[in-house]
Amino acid sequence: MPKMKTKRAAAKRFKLTATGKLKRMKAYKSHILTKKTAKRKRNLRQSTITDATNAPVMKKILPYL
């Protein structure tokens, strides 16, 4: 059986933690930043764990991550 291809767009957006969870960056930090508060922008800088409902699908398209 041939090797599975990794979805490159997803590979650039997700990293695997030591416990096997998927880490991602938060959305809404790219433009229209003037109306967002400093606290909100500061919190958007931090990474977070992918939701458990989405994790199985993400791991399927990232077979070697």
C-alpha atoms as a PDB file:
ATOM      1  CA  MET A   1       0.000   0.000   0.000  1.00  0.00           C
ATOM      2  CA  PRO A   2       1.424   3.442  -0.893  1.00  0.00           C
ATOM      3  CA  LYS A   3       2.207   6.072   1.677  1.00  0.00           C
ATOM      4  CA  MET A   4      -0.603   8.443   2.636  1.00  0.00           C
ATOM      5  CA  LYS A   5      -0.218  12.081   1.695  1.00  0.00           C
ATOM      6  CA  THR A   6      -0.302  14.734   4.399  1.00  0.00           C
ATOM      7  CA  LYS A   7      -2.584  17.720   3.788  1.00  0.00           C
ATOM      8  CA  ARG A   8       0.082  20.425   3.709  1.00  0.00           C
ATOM      9  CA  ALA A   9      -2.289  23.264   4.651  1.00  0.00           C
ATOM     10  CA  ALA A  10      -3.182  21.433   7.862  1.00  0.00           C
ATOM     11  CA  ALA A  11       0.436  20.493   8.573  1.00  0.00           C
ATOM     12  CA  LYS A  12       1.375  24.180   8.620  1.00  0.00           C
ATOM     13  CA  ARG A  13      -1.401  25.007  11.088  1.00  0.00           C
ATOM     14  CA  PHE A  14      -1.221  22.197  13.645  1.00  0.00           C
ATOM     15  CA  LYS A  15       1.496  20.783  15.893  1.00  0.00           C
ATOM     16  CA  LEU A  16       1.338  17.678  18.038  1.00  0.00           C
ATOM     17  CA  THR A  17       1.869  17.999  21.800  1.00  0.00           C
ATOM     18  CA  ALA A  18       3.755  15.435  23.871  1.00  0.00           C
ATOM     19  CA  THR A  19       0.469  13.920  25.056  1.00  0.00           C
ATOM     20  CA  GLY A  20      -0.800  13.507  21.484  1.00  0.00           C
ATOM     21  CA  LYS A  21      -3.193  16.458  21.361  1.00  0.00           C
ATOM     22  CA  LEU A  22      -3.257  18.926  18.463  1.00  0.00           C
ATOM     23  CA  LYS A  23      -2.138  22.472  19.175  1.00  0.00           C
ATOM     24  CA  ARG A  24      -3.364  25.377  17.042  1.00  0.00           C
ATOM     25  CA  MET A  25      -3.277  29.149  16.976  1.00  0.00           C
ATOM     26  CA  LYS A  26      -6.439  31.175  17.560  1.00  0.00           C
ATOM     27  CA  ALA A  27      -8.291  32.893  14.715  1.00  0.00           C
ATOM     28  CA  TYR A  28      -9.342  36.547  14.246  1.00  0.00           C
ATOM     29  CA  LYS A  29      -5.884  38.081  14.703  1.00  0.00           C
ATOM     30  CA  SER A  30      -5.074  39.012  11.093  1.00  0.00           C
ATOM     31  CA  HIS A  31      -6.946  42.248  10.320  1.00  0.00           C
ATOM     32  CA  ILE A  32      -9.462  44.818  11.639  1.00  0.00           C
ATOM     33  CA  LEU A  33      -7.466  45.015  14.852  1.00  0.00           C
ATOM     34  CA  THR A  34      -8.288  48.612  15.746  1.00  0.00           C
ATOM     35  CA  LYS A  35     -11.729  47.801  17.161  1.00  0.00           C
ATOM     36  CA  LYS A  36     -10.436  44.859  19.234  1.00  0.00           C
ATOM     37  CA  THR A  37      -9.272  45.535  22.771  1.00  0.00           C
ATOM     38  CA  ALA A  38      -5.671  45.035  23.833  1.00  0.00           C
ATOM     39  CA  LYS A  39      -6.743  42.241  26.184  1.00  0.00           C
ATOM     40  CA  ARG A  40      -8.557  40.423  23.380  1.00  0.00           C
ATOM     41  CA  LYS A  41      -5.579  40.716  20.999  1.00  0.00           C
ATOM     42  CA  ARG A  42      -3.219  39.546  23.745  1.00  0.00           C
ATOM     43  CA  ASN A  43      -5.361  36.444  24.347  1.00  0.00           C
ATOM     44  CA  LEU A  44      -5.507  35.705  20.600  1.00  0.00           C
ATOM     45  CA  ARG A  45      -1.695  35.432  20.535  1.00  0.00           C
ATOM     46  CA  GLN A  46      -1.749  32.307  22.668  1.00  0.00           C
ATOM     47  CA  SER A  47      -2.105  28.835  21.230  1.00  0.00           C
ATOM     48  CA  THR A  48      -4.843  26.436  22.278  1.00  0.00           C
ATOM     49  CA  ILE A  49      -5.763  22.771  21.988  1.00  0.00           C
ATOM     50  CA  THR A  50      -7.979  21.642  19.099  1.00  0.00           C
ATOM     51  CA  ASP A  51     -11.481  20.665  20.205  1.00  0.00           C
ATOM     52  CA  ALA A  52     -11.994  16.947  20.876  1.00  0.00           C
ATOM     53  CA  THR A  53     -14.779  16.726  18.276  1.00  0.00           C
ATOM     54  CA  ASN A  54     -12.431  17.921  15.498  1.00  0.00           C
ATOM     55  CA  ALA A  55      -9.304  16.035  16.591  1.00  0.00           C
ATOM     56  CA  PRO A  56     -10.088  12.635  14.944  1.00  0.00           C
ATOM     57  CA  VAL A  57     -10.649  14.258  11.547  1.00  0.00           C
ATOM     58  CA  MET A  58      -7.491  16.329  11.865  1.00  0.00           C
ATOM     59  CA  LYS A  59      -5.398  13.305  12.812  1.00  0.00           C
ATOM     60  CA  LYS A  60      -6.736  11.496   9.737  1.00  0.00           C
ATOM     61  CA  ILE A  61      -5.492  14.209   7.361  1.00  0.00           C
ATOM     62  CA  LEU A  62      -2.190  14.437   9.280  1.00  0.00           C
ATOM     63  CA  PRO A  63      -1.145  10.766   9.283  1.00  0.00           C
ATOM     64  CA  TYR A  64       2.556  11.291  10.111  1.00  0.00           C
ATOM     65  CA  LEU A  65       2.327  14.217  12.505  1.00  0.00           C
END
